[in-house]
Amino acid sequence: MTDTSTLSAEQRLARLEDRAAIQELGVLYGYVMDERDEKGIRQIFAPDARLTSADGVFAATGIDEIVKTYLGRFTALGPTNHFSHGHVVRFGDDPDRARGLLASHAEVSRNGTAMQVALRYKDEYVRNDGRWQFATREMSYMYYLPIEQLSQLGERNSVRAYGDERPSDWPEALYSESGSSWLHAYL
């Protein structure tokens, strides 16, 4: 975390305003997804943004590819309800860049099946023309299960969004060699 003790009161206030705007961006993402708002996608992602997923399903670079990816995803989805939980935002030396972690859940109808999803987003943000946008967004899943299978959310293969059983992406401390070392950059 950047030491803020050397920042002026004006710089600290600007940092608080930036943090609030970035956290609002995270919430707006859910509304944009739920409303399938193509114009909104183009406003919340930077023109050269990258969208990825830990499981490798999403890999889009540039706003047109990102829009195409989401529009394709929407064809499998009925109504959705995304909601955000904690949002950690960290700043470095560049006042127009930040990074963050966002915990989230979604209730979705996927191919006619009611499902619940536990999501995490690892983000990088950039300010363009005074507005914060996603520069990179990586999503990952702990589970993506039909509602009637939620009792299985602790199983390793608890991602069932694609018609098969796939391993969950986290907790990384249980499922990857590097464990939770990535988290230390935010502590």
N, C-alpha and C. Protein backbone atom coordinates (compact mmCIF):
# COMPACT_ATOMS: atom_id res chain seq x y z
N MET A 1 0.85 -1.17 0.00
CA MET A 1 0.00 0.00 0.00
C MET A 1 0.90 1.24 0.00
N THR A 2 0.53 2.25 -0.76
CA THR A 2 1.30 3.48 -0.85
C THR A 2 1.16 4.28 0.43
N ASP A 3 2.28 4.83 0.89
CA ASP A 3 2.29 5.68 2.09
C ASP A 3 1.63 7.01 1.73
N THR A 4 0.55 7.34 2.41
CA THR A 4 -0.17 8.59 2.12
C THR A 4 0.26 9.73 3.03
N SER A 5 1.19 9.46 3.96
CA SER A 5 1.56 10.49 4.93
C SER A 5 2.26 11.69 4.29
N THR A 6 2.82 11.51 3.10
CA THR A 6 3.52 12.61 2.43
C THR A 6 2.59 13.38 1.49
N LEU A 7 1.35 12.94 1.35
CA LEU A 7 0.42 13.63 0.47
C LEU A 7 -0.19 14.84 1.16
N SER A 8 -0.45 15.88 0.38
CA SER A 8 -1.11 17.07 0.91
C SER A 8 -2.58 16.73 1.17
N ALA A 9 -3.26 17.61 1.90
CA ALA A 9 -4.68 17.42 2.16
C ALA A 9 -5.46 17.37 0.85
N GLU A 10 -5.09 18.20 -0.10
CA GLU A 10 -5.76 18.21 -1.40
C GLU A 10 -5.54 16.89 -2.14
N GLN A 11 -4.31 16.37 -2.09
CA GLN A 11 -4.03 15.10 -2.74
C GLN A 11 -4.78 13.94 -2.06
N ARG A 12 -4.87 14.00 -0.74
CA ARG A 12 -5.59 12.94 -0.02
C ARG A 12 -7.09 12.99 -0.33
N LEU A 13 -7.65 14.19 -0.44
CA LEU A 13 -9.05 14.33 -0.81
C LEU A 13 -9.27 13.78 -2.23
N ALA A 14 -8.38 14.12 -3.14
CA ALA A 14 -8.48 13.60 -4.51
C ALA A 14 -8.42 12.07 -4.51
N ARG A 15 -7.57 11.52 -3.68
CA ARG A 15 -7.45 10.06 -3.58
C ARG A 15 -8.76 9.44 -3.10
N LEU A 16 -9.41 10.06 -2.11
CA LEU A 16 -10.71 9.58 -1.62
C LEU A 16 -11.77 9.67 -2.71
N GLU A 17 -11.77 10.75 -3.46
CA GLU A 17 -12.73 10.89 -4.55
C GLU A 17 -12.48 9.83 -5.62
N ASP A 18 -11.21 9.58 -5.92
CA ASP A 18 -10.86 8.55 -6.91
C ASP A 18 -11.30 7.17 -6.43
N ARG A 19 -11.05 6.87 -5.17
CA ARG A 19 -11.46 5.57 -4.61
C ARG A 19 -12.98 5.39 -4.73
N ALA A 20 -13.73 6.42 -4.40
CA ALA A 20 -15.19 6.35 -4.49
C ALA A 20 -15.64 6.14 -5.94
N ALA A 21 -15.01 6.82 -6.87
CA ALA A 21 -15.37 6.68 -8.29
C ALA A 21 -15.05 5.27 -8.79
N ILE A 22 -13.92 4.71 -8.37
CA ILE A 22 -13.55 3.36 -8.79
C ILE A 22 -14.50 2.34 -8.19
N GLN A 23 -14.83 2.50 -6.92
CA GLN A 23 -15.77 1.58 -6.29
C GLN A 23 -17.15 1.66 -6.96
N GLU A 24 -17.55 2.86 -7.35
CA GLU A 24 -18.81 3.03 -8.08
C GLU A 24 -18.74 2.32 -9.44
N LEU A 25 -17.59 2.39 -10.10
CA LEU A 25 -17.38 1.69 -11.36
C LEU A 25 -17.64 0.20 -11.20
N GLY A 26 -17.14 -0.38 -10.10
CA GLY A 26 -17.37 -1.79 -9.83
C GLY A 26 -18.84 -2.14 -9.69
N VAL A 27 -19.60 -1.26 -9.04
CA VAL A 27 -21.04 -1.48 -8.88
C VAL A 27 -21.76 -1.29 -10.22
N LEU A 28 -21.38 -0.26 -10.96
CA LEU A 28 -22.01 0.00 -12.25
C LEU A 28 -21.81 -1.16 -13.22
N TYR A 29 -20.68 -1.84 -13.13
CA TYR A 29 -20.44 -3.01 -13.97
C TYR A 29 -21.60 -4.00 -13.85
N GLY A 30 -22.04 -4.27 -12.63
CA GLY A 30 -23.15 -5.19 -12.42
C GLY A 30 -24.42 -4.72 -13.11
N TYR A 31 -24.73 -3.45 -12.99
CA TYR A 31 -25.93 -2.91 -13.65
C TYR A 31 -25.81 -3.00 -15.17
N VAL A 32 -24.63 -2.67 -15.69
CA VAL A 32 -24.41 -2.74 -17.14
C VAL A 32 -24.60 -4.18 -17.63
N MET A 33 -24.07 -5.15 -16.88
CA MET A 33 -24.24 -6.55 -17.26
C MET A 33 -25.71 -6.96 -17.19
N ASP A 34 -26.38 -6.62 -16.09
CA ASP A 34 -27.77 -7.02 -15.91
C ASP A 34 -28.69 -6.42 -16.97
N GLU A 35 -28.36 -5.23 -17.44
CA GLU A 35 -29.18 -4.57 -18.46
C GLU A 35 -28.68 -4.81 -19.87
N ARG A 36 -27.56 -5.55 -20.01
CA ARG A 36 -26.98 -5.88 -21.31
C ARG A 36 -26.79 -4.61 -22.16
N ASP A 37 -26.18 -3.63 -21.53
CA ASP A 37 -26.08 -2.29 -22.10
C ASP A 37 -24.76 -2.15 -22.86
N GLU A 38 -24.82 -2.29 -24.18
CA GLU A 38 -23.61 -2.21 -24.99
C GLU A 38 -22.94 -0.85 -24.85
N LYS A 39 -23.72 0.22 -24.85
CA LYS A 39 -23.15 1.56 -24.67
C LYS A 39 -22.44 1.65 -23.31
N GLY A 40 -23.05 1.06 -22.29
CA GLY A 40 -22.43 1.05 -20.97
C GLY A 40 -21.11 0.31 -20.96
N ILE A 41 -21.04 -0.83 -21.66
CA ILE A 41 -19.78 -1.58 -21.75
C ILE A 41 -18.70 -0.69 -22.34
N ARG A 42 -19.05 0.03 -23.38
CA ARG A 42 -18.07 0.91 -24.04
C ARG A 42 -17.65 2.07 -23.15
N GLN A 43 -18.48 2.43 -22.18
CA GLN A 43 -18.12 3.53 -21.27
C GLN A 43 -17.29 3.06 -20.08
N ILE A 44 -17.50 1.83 -19.61
CA ILE A 44 -16.79 1.41 -18.40
C ILE A 44 -15.45 0.73 -18.68
N PHE A 45 -15.23 0.28 -19.94
CA PHE A 45 -13.95 -0.29 -20.31
C PHE A 45 -13.16 0.69 -21.17
N ALA A 46 -11.86 0.76 -20.93
CA ALA A 46 -10.99 1.62 -21.74
C ALA A 46 -10.93 1.07 -23.16
N PRO A 47 -10.63 1.92 -24.15
CA PRO A 47 -10.58 1.47 -25.54
C PRO A 47 -9.63 0.29 -25.77
N ASP A 48 -8.52 0.25 -25.04
CA ASP A 48 -7.53 -0.80 -25.21
C ASP A 48 -7.55 -1.81 -24.06
N ALA A 49 -8.66 -1.92 -23.37
CA ALA A 49 -8.77 -2.79 -22.19
C ALA A 49 -8.59 -4.26 -22.55
N ARG A 50 -8.32 -5.07 -21.51
CA ARG A 50 -8.24 -6.53 -21.64
C ARG A 50 -9.23 -7.14 -20.67
N LEU A 51 -9.93 -8.17 -21.15
CA LEU A 51 -10.86 -8.93 -20.34
C LEU A 51 -10.42 -10.38 -20.37
N THR A 52 -10.18 -10.96 -19.19
CA THR A 52 -9.75 -12.35 -19.12
C THR A 52 -10.49 -13.05 -17.99
N SER A 53 -10.35 -14.37 -17.97
CA SER A 53 -10.86 -15.15 -16.85
C SER A 53 -9.80 -16.16 -16.45
N ALA A 54 -9.77 -16.50 -15.18
CA ALA A 54 -8.75 -17.42 -14.67
C ALA A 54 -8.85 -18.79 -15.35
N ASP A 55 -10.05 -19.17 -15.79
CA ASP A 55 -10.22 -20.47 -16.45
C ASP A 55 -9.90 -20.42 -17.94
N GLY A 56 -9.56 -19.26 -18.46
CA GLY A 56 -9.17 -19.13 -19.86
C GLY A 56 -10.32 -18.98 -20.84
N VAL A 57 -11.56 -19.00 -20.38
CA VAL A 57 -12.71 -18.88 -21.28
C VAL A 57 -12.78 -17.49 -21.90
N PHE A 58 -12.50 -16.46 -21.10
CA PHE A 58 -12.53 -15.09 -21.60
C PHE A 58 -11.11 -14.64 -21.92
N ALA A 59 -10.93 -14.09 -23.12
CA ALA A 59 -9.64 -13.54 -23.53
C ALA A 59 -9.92 -12.54 -24.65
N ALA A 60 -10.21 -11.31 -24.27
CA ALA A 60 -10.55 -10.27 -25.24
C ALA A 60 -9.69 -9.05 -24.99
N THR A 61 -9.20 -8.46 -26.07
CA THR A 61 -8.39 -7.25 -25.98
C THR A 61 -9.00 -6.20 -26.89
N GLY A 62 -9.19 -5.02 -26.34
CA GLY A 62 -9.78 -3.92 -27.09
C GLY A 62 -11.29 -3.91 -26.91
N ILE A 63 -11.85 -2.73 -26.95
CA ILE A 63 -13.27 -2.57 -26.62
C ILE A 63 -14.18 -3.34 -27.56
N ASP A 64 -13.86 -3.41 -28.84
CA ASP A 64 -14.75 -4.13 -29.76
C ASP A 64 -14.78 -5.62 -29.45
N GLU A 65 -13.63 -6.22 -29.15
CA GLU A 65 -13.59 -7.64 -28.77
C GLU A 65 -14.32 -7.87 -27.45
N ILE A 66 -14.17 -6.95 -26.51
CA ILE A 66 -14.84 -7.08 -25.21
C ILE A 66 -16.36 -7.02 -25.40
N VAL A 67 -16.83 -6.08 -26.19
CA VAL A 67 -18.26 -5.98 -26.46
C VAL A 67 -18.75 -7.27 -27.13
N LYS A 68 -18.03 -7.75 -28.12
CA LYS A 68 -18.42 -8.99 -28.80
C LYS A 68 -18.47 -10.16 -27.82
N THR A 69 -17.52 -10.24 -26.92
CA THR A 69 -17.49 -11.30 -25.91
C THR A 69 -18.73 -11.24 -25.03
N TYR A 70 -19.04 -10.06 -24.52
CA TYR A 70 -20.21 -9.94 -23.65
C TYR A 70 -21.52 -10.18 -24.40
N LEU A 71 -21.65 -9.65 -25.61
CA LEU A 71 -22.87 -9.88 -26.37
C LEU A 71 -23.07 -11.37 -26.63
N GLY A 72 -21.98 -12.09 -26.90
CA GLY A 72 -22.07 -13.55 -27.06
C GLY A 72 -22.48 -14.24 -25.78
N ARG A 73 -21.96 -13.77 -24.67
CA ARG A 73 -22.31 -14.34 -23.37
C ARG A 73 -23.79 -14.13 -23.06
N PHE A 74 -24.29 -12.97 -23.41
CA PHE A 74 -25.69 -12.66 -23.11
C PHE A 74 -26.66 -13.60 -23.80
N THR A 75 -26.26 -14.19 -24.94
CA THR A 75 -27.17 -15.09 -25.65
C THR A 75 -27.49 -16.34 -24.83
N ALA A 76 -26.61 -16.74 -23.93
CA ALA A 76 -26.85 -17.91 -23.08
C ALA A 76 -27.56 -17.55 -21.79
N LEU A 77 -27.65 -16.26 -21.50
CA LEU A 77 -28.19 -15.83 -20.22
C LEU A 77 -29.58 -15.22 -20.35
N GLY A 78 -30.42 -15.57 -19.40
CA GLY A 78 -31.68 -14.87 -19.21
C GLY A 78 -31.42 -13.74 -18.23
N PRO A 79 -32.37 -13.46 -17.35
CA PRO A 79 -32.17 -12.40 -16.36
C PRO A 79 -30.96 -12.71 -15.45
N THR A 80 -30.26 -11.66 -15.07
CA THR A 80 -29.13 -11.78 -14.14
C THR A 80 -29.25 -10.70 -13.07
N ASN A 81 -28.62 -10.97 -11.94
CA ASN A 81 -28.58 -10.01 -10.83
C ASN A 81 -27.19 -10.07 -10.22
N HIS A 82 -26.34 -9.10 -10.60
CA HIS A 82 -24.99 -9.02 -10.06
C HIS A 82 -25.00 -8.11 -8.83
N PHE A 83 -24.30 -8.53 -7.79
CA PHE A 83 -24.16 -7.63 -6.65
C PHE A 83 -22.75 -7.73 -6.09
N SER A 84 -22.25 -6.56 -5.67
CA SER A 84 -20.87 -6.42 -5.22
C SER A 84 -20.80 -6.47 -3.71
N HIS A 85 -19.68 -7.00 -3.24
CA HIS A 85 -19.40 -7.03 -1.80
C HIS A 85 -18.22 -6.08 -1.57
N GLY A 86 -17.21 -6.53 -0.88
CA GLY A 86 -16.06 -5.68 -0.59
C GLY A 86 -15.27 -5.34 -1.84
N HIS A 87 -14.75 -4.11 -1.88
CA HIS A 87 -13.95 -3.65 -3.01
C HIS A 87 -12.70 -2.96 -2.47
N VAL A 88 -11.57 -3.59 -2.67
CA VAL A 88 -10.28 -3.06 -2.23
C VAL A 88 -9.64 -2.33 -3.40
N VAL A 89 -9.22 -1.09 -3.18
CA VAL A 89 -8.58 -0.29 -4.22
C VAL A 89 -7.22 0.16 -3.72
N ARG A 90 -6.20 0.00 -4.56
CA ARG A 90 -4.85 0.43 -4.21
C ARG A 90 -4.30 1.34 -5.30
N PHE A 91 -3.58 2.38 -4.87
CA PHE A 91 -2.99 3.35 -5.77
C PHE A 91 -1.47 3.23 -5.72
N GLY A 92 -0.85 3.54 -6.83
CA GLY A 92 0.61 3.61 -6.90
C GLY A 92 1.04 5.04 -7.09
N ASP A 93 2.13 5.23 -7.80
CA ASP A 93 2.67 6.57 -8.01
C ASP A 93 1.94 7.34 -9.11
N ASP A 94 1.37 6.64 -10.09
CA ASP A 94 0.66 7.28 -11.19
C ASP A 94 -0.76 7.63 -10.74
N PRO A 95 -1.11 8.91 -10.68
CA PRO A 95 -2.44 9.30 -10.19
C PRO A 95 -3.59 8.88 -11.11
N ASP A 96 -3.27 8.42 -12.32
CA ASP A 96 -4.31 8.02 -13.27
C ASP A 96 -4.41 6.50 -13.42
N ARG A 97 -3.82 5.77 -12.47
CA ARG A 97 -3.88 4.31 -12.50
C ARG A 97 -4.08 3.79 -11.09
N ALA A 98 -4.78 2.66 -11.02
CA ALA A 98 -5.00 1.99 -9.73
C ALA A 98 -5.26 0.51 -10.02
N ARG A 99 -5.32 -0.28 -8.96
CA ARG A 99 -5.64 -1.71 -9.10
C ARG A 99 -6.59 -2.08 -7.98
N GLY A 100 -7.30 -3.18 -8.16
CA GLY A 100 -8.27 -3.53 -7.13
C GLY A 100 -8.73 -4.97 -7.17
N LEU A 101 -9.38 -5.34 -6.09
CA LEU A 101 -10.02 -6.64 -5.93
C LEU A 101 -11.48 -6.39 -5.58
N LEU A 102 -12.37 -7.13 -6.22
CA LEU A 102 -13.79 -6.99 -5.95
C LEU A 102 -14.39 -8.37 -5.75
N ALA A 103 -15.06 -8.57 -4.62
CA ALA A 103 -15.80 -9.80 -4.36
C ALA A 103 -17.24 -9.58 -4.81
N SER A 104 -17.84 -10.62 -5.40
CA SER A 104 -19.16 -10.45 -6.00
C SER A 104 -19.91 -11.77 -6.03
N HIS A 105 -21.20 -11.68 -6.18
CA HIS A 105 -22.07 -12.83 -6.45
C HIS A 105 -23.00 -12.45 -7.59
N ALA A 106 -23.51 -13.45 -8.25
CA ALA A 106 -24.53 -13.21 -9.27
C ALA A 106 -25.56 -14.33 -9.22
N GLU A 107 -26.78 -13.95 -9.43
CA GLU A 107 -27.86 -14.90 -9.65
C GLU A 107 -28.16 -14.80 -11.14
N VAL A 108 -28.14 -15.93 -11.83
CA VAL A 108 -28.30 -15.91 -13.28
C VAL A 108 -29.26 -17.01 -13.72
N SER A 109 -29.84 -16.79 -14.86
CA SER A 109 -30.56 -17.85 -15.56
C SER A 109 -29.72 -18.15 -16.79
N ARG A 110 -29.08 -19.30 -16.79
CA ARG A 110 -28.19 -19.68 -17.89
C ARG A 110 -28.80 -20.87 -18.62
N ASN A 111 -29.10 -20.65 -19.88
CA ASN A 111 -29.75 -21.69 -20.68
C ASN A 111 -30.97 -22.26 -19.98
N GLY A 112 -31.73 -21.38 -19.32
CA GLY A 112 -32.96 -21.77 -18.66
C GLY A 112 -32.81 -22.37 -17.28
N THR A 113 -31.58 -22.44 -16.76
CA THR A 113 -31.32 -23.01 -15.43
C THR A 113 -30.95 -21.88 -14.47
N ALA A 114 -31.64 -21.83 -13.33
CA ALA A 114 -31.32 -20.84 -12.30
C ALA A 114 -30.01 -21.25 -11.62
N MET A 115 -29.05 -20.32 -11.60
CA MET A 115 -27.72 -20.61 -11.05
C MET A 115 -27.27 -19.48 -10.14
N GLN A 116 -26.34 -19.80 -9.25
CA GLN A 116 -25.69 -18.79 -8.41
C GLN A 116 -24.19 -18.91 -8.62
N VAL A 117 -23.54 -17.75 -8.60
CA VAL A 117 -22.11 -17.68 -8.92
C VAL A 117 -21.39 -16.87 -7.85
N ALA A 118 -20.26 -17.38 -7.37
CA ALA A 118 -19.36 -16.60 -6.51
C ALA A 118 -18.19 -16.16 -7.38
N LEU A 119 -18.02 -14.85 -7.51
CA LEU A 119 -17.02 -14.26 -8.40
C LEU A 119 -16.01 -13.42 -7.63
N ARG A 120 -14.83 -13.37 -8.19
CA ARG A 120 -13.83 -12.38 -7.78
C ARG A 120 -13.31 -11.72 -9.04
N TYR A 121 -13.02 -10.45 -8.92
CA TYR A 121 -12.43 -9.70 -10.03
C TYR A 121 -11.10 -9.12 -9.56
N LYS A 122 -10.07 -9.31 -10.36
CA LYS A 122 -8.78 -8.64 -10.17
C LYS A 122 -8.70 -7.61 -11.29
N ASP A 123 -8.64 -6.35 -10.89
CA ASP A 123 -8.76 -5.25 -11.85
C ASP A 123 -7.56 -4.33 -11.86
N GLU A 124 -7.37 -3.69 -13.00
CA GLU A 124 -6.53 -2.51 -13.12
C GLU A 124 -7.42 -1.43 -13.72
N TYR A 125 -7.27 -0.22 -13.20
CA TYR A 125 -8.11 0.90 -13.62
C TYR A 125 -7.24 1.99 -14.22
N VAL A 126 -7.82 2.72 -15.15
CA VAL A 126 -7.13 3.85 -15.76
C VAL A 126 -8.13 5.00 -15.87
N ARG A 127 -7.61 6.22 -15.68
CA ARG A 127 -8.46 7.40 -15.84
C ARG A 127 -8.23 7.94 -17.24
N ASN A 128 -9.32 8.00 -18.00
CA ASN A 128 -9.30 8.57 -19.36
C ASN A 128 -10.27 9.73 -19.39
N ASP A 129 -9.77 10.90 -19.80
CA ASP A 129 -10.62 12.09 -19.90
C ASP A 129 -11.42 12.33 -18.63
N GLY A 130 -10.77 12.14 -17.48
CA GLY A 130 -11.38 12.42 -16.19
C GLY A 130 -12.30 11.32 -15.66
N ARG A 131 -12.40 10.21 -16.38
CA ARG A 131 -13.33 9.13 -15.99
C ARG A 131 -12.55 7.83 -15.77
N TRP A 132 -12.82 7.16 -14.65
CA TRP A 132 -12.17 5.89 -14.36
C TRP A 132 -12.82 4.78 -15.18
N GLN A 133 -11.98 3.90 -15.74
CA GLN A 133 -12.44 2.77 -16.55
C GLN A 133 -11.60 1.54 -16.21
N PHE A 134 -12.11 0.39 -16.59
CA PHE A 134 -11.34 -0.84 -16.46
C PHE A 134 -10.27 -0.86 -17.54
N ALA A 135 -9.01 -1.04 -17.13
CA ALA A 135 -7.92 -1.26 -18.07
C ALA A 135 -7.73 -2.77 -18.27
N THR A 136 -7.85 -3.52 -17.18
CA THR A 136 -7.88 -4.98 -17.25
C THR A 136 -8.89 -5.48 -16.23
N ARG A 137 -9.54 -6.57 -16.56
CA ARG A 137 -10.48 -7.21 -15.63
C ARG A 137 -10.33 -8.71 -15.82
N GLU A 138 -9.94 -9.39 -14.72
CA GLU A 138 -9.87 -10.85 -14.73
C GLU A 138 -10.91 -11.37 -13.76
N MET A 139 -11.82 -12.20 -14.25
CA MET A 139 -12.83 -12.79 -13.37
C MET A 139 -12.44 -14.22 -13.04
N SER A 140 -12.85 -14.66 -11.86
CA SER A 140 -12.61 -16.04 -11.44
C SER A 140 -13.79 -16.49 -10.59
N TYR A 141 -13.93 -17.81 -10.48
CA TYR A 141 -15.09 -18.39 -9.81
C TYR A 141 -14.69 -19.34 -8.69
N MET A 142 -15.39 -19.26 -7.58
CA MET A 142 -15.31 -20.30 -6.56
C MET A 142 -16.32 -21.38 -6.89
N TYR A 143 -17.50 -20.94 -7.33
CA TYR A 143 -18.51 -21.88 -7.81
C TYR A 143 -19.43 -21.17 -8.79
N TYR A 144 -20.04 -21.97 -9.65
CA TYR A 144 -21.04 -21.52 -10.61
C TYR A 144 -21.99 -22.70 -10.74
N LEU A 145 -23.01 -22.71 -9.89
CA LEU A 145 -23.83 -23.91 -9.69
C LEU A 145 -25.32 -23.65 -9.88
N PRO A 146 -26.03 -24.67 -10.39
CA PRO A 146 -27.49 -24.60 -10.35
C PRO A 146 -27.93 -24.46 -8.89
N ILE A 147 -28.98 -23.69 -8.67
CA ILE A 147 -29.46 -23.43 -7.30
C ILE A 147 -29.63 -24.72 -6.51
N GLU A 148 -30.20 -25.74 -7.12
CA GLU A 148 -30.45 -26.99 -6.38
C GLU A 148 -29.17 -27.75 -6.05
N GLN A 149 -28.02 -27.31 -6.58
CA GLN A 149 -26.74 -27.97 -6.29
C GLN A 149 -25.84 -27.13 -5.38
N LEU A 150 -26.36 -26.07 -4.78
CA LEU A 150 -25.52 -25.19 -3.96
C LEU A 150 -24.86 -25.91 -2.80
N SER A 151 -25.41 -27.01 -2.35
CA SER A 151 -24.77 -27.76 -1.27
C SER A 151 -23.41 -28.31 -1.71
N GLN A 152 -23.11 -28.27 -3.00
CA GLN A 152 -21.85 -28.78 -3.53
C GLN A 152 -20.81 -27.68 -3.75
N LEU A 153 -21.06 -26.49 -3.21
CA LEU A 153 -20.17 -25.37 -3.49
C LEU A 153 -18.75 -25.57 -2.95
N GLY A 154 -18.56 -26.48 -2.01
CA GLY A 154 -17.22 -26.73 -1.50
C GLY A 154 -16.44 -27.76 -2.30
N GLU A 155 -17.06 -28.36 -3.29
CA GLU A 155 -16.37 -29.36 -4.11
C GLU A 155 -15.39 -28.69 -5.06
N ARG A 156 -14.32 -29.37 -5.36
CA ARG A 156 -13.29 -28.82 -6.26
C ARG A 156 -13.88 -28.50 -7.64
N ASN A 157 -14.69 -29.36 -8.20
CA ASN A 157 -15.28 -29.16 -9.53
C ASN A 157 -16.66 -28.53 -9.39
N SER A 158 -16.68 -27.30 -8.93
CA SER A 158 -17.95 -26.63 -8.66
C SER A 158 -18.30 -25.53 -9.66
N VAL A 159 -17.64 -25.54 -10.82
CA VAL A 159 -17.99 -24.62 -11.89
C VAL A 159 -18.74 -25.43 -12.95
N ARG A 160 -20.03 -25.14 -13.07
CA ARG A 160 -20.89 -25.94 -13.96
C ARG A 160 -21.60 -25.06 -14.98
N ALA A 161 -20.97 -23.98 -15.36
CA ALA A 161 -21.59 -23.01 -16.27
C ALA A 161 -21.61 -23.48 -17.71
N TYR A 162 -20.72 -24.39 -18.07
CA TYR A 162 -20.52 -24.71 -19.48
C TYR A 162 -21.03 -26.10 -19.86
N GLY A 163 -21.90 -26.68 -19.02
CA GLY A 163 -22.46 -27.99 -19.33
C GLY A 163 -21.61 -29.16 -18.87
N ASP A 164 -20.51 -28.87 -18.20
CA ASP A 164 -19.65 -29.91 -17.63
C ASP A 164 -19.22 -29.48 -16.24
N GLU A 165 -18.38 -30.25 -15.60
CA GLU A 165 -17.86 -29.90 -14.27
C GLU A 165 -16.42 -29.48 -14.41
N ARG A 166 -16.13 -28.24 -14.00
CA ARG A 166 -14.77 -27.71 -14.08
C ARG A 166 -14.30 -27.29 -12.70
N PRO A 167 -12.98 -27.25 -12.52
CA PRO A 167 -12.47 -26.87 -11.19
C PRO A 167 -12.69 -25.40 -10.88
N SER A 168 -12.91 -25.13 -9.61
CA SER A 168 -13.03 -23.75 -9.16
C SER A 168 -11.66 -23.09 -9.21
N ASP A 169 -11.65 -21.77 -9.33
CA ASP A 169 -10.40 -21.02 -9.43
C ASP A 169 -9.81 -20.67 -8.08
N TRP A 170 -10.64 -20.67 -7.05
CA TRP A 170 -10.18 -20.30 -5.72
C TRP A 170 -10.98 -21.02 -4.66
N PRO A 171 -10.50 -21.11 -3.45
CA PRO A 171 -9.35 -20.38 -2.89
C PRO A 171 -8.02 -20.89 -3.46
N GLU A 172 -7.23 -19.93 -3.92
CA GLU A 172 -5.95 -20.26 -4.54
C GLU A 172 -4.99 -20.92 -3.56
N ALA A 173 -5.16 -20.64 -2.28
CA ALA A 173 -4.30 -21.29 -1.27
C ALA A 173 -4.47 -22.80 -1.31
N LEU A 174 -5.62 -23.28 -1.74
CA LEU A 174 -5.86 -24.73 -1.83
C LEU A 174 -5.52 -25.29 -3.21
N TYR A 175 -5.60 -24.46 -4.26
CA TYR A 175 -5.60 -25.00 -5.61
C TYR A 175 -4.43 -24.58 -6.50
N SER A 176 -3.51 -23.78 -6.02
CA SER A 176 -2.38 -23.40 -6.88
C SER A 176 -1.07 -23.46 -6.09
N GLU A 177 0.01 -23.65 -6.83
CA GLU A 177 1.33 -23.72 -6.19
C GLU A 177 1.72 -22.40 -5.54
N SER A 178 1.33 -21.29 -6.13
CA SER A 178 1.69 -19.99 -5.56
C SER A 178 0.79 -19.60 -4.39
N GLY A 179 -0.31 -20.34 -4.23
CA GLY A 179 -1.19 -20.07 -3.10
C GLY A 179 -1.73 -18.66 -3.12
N SER A 180 -1.77 -18.06 -1.96
CA SER A 180 -2.34 -16.71 -1.85
C SER A 180 -1.28 -15.61 -1.89
N SER A 181 -0.11 -15.89 -2.42
CA SER A 181 0.96 -14.89 -2.43
C SER A 181 0.55 -13.61 -3.19
N TRP A 182 -0.31 -13.73 -4.20
CA TRP A 182 -0.78 -12.56 -4.95
C TRP A 182 -1.49 -11.56 -4.04
N LEU A 183 -2.11 -12.07 -2.97
CA LEU A 183 -2.88 -11.23 -2.05
C LEU A 183 -1.99 -10.26 -1.28
N HIS A 184 -0.74 -10.62 -1.07
CA HIS A 184 0.16 -9.82 -0.24
C HIS A 184 0.42 -8.43 -0.83
N ALA A 185 0.24 -8.28 -2.12
CA ALA A 185 0.40 -6.96 -2.74
C ALA A 185 -0.70 -5.99 -2.32
N TYR A 186 -1.78 -6.53 -1.74
CA TYR A 186 -2.90 -5.68 -1.34
C TYR A 186 -2.93 -5.44 0.16
N LEU A 187 -2.13 -6.18 0.93
CA LEU A 187 -2.15 -6.06 2.39
C LEU A 187 -1.29 -4.91 2.87
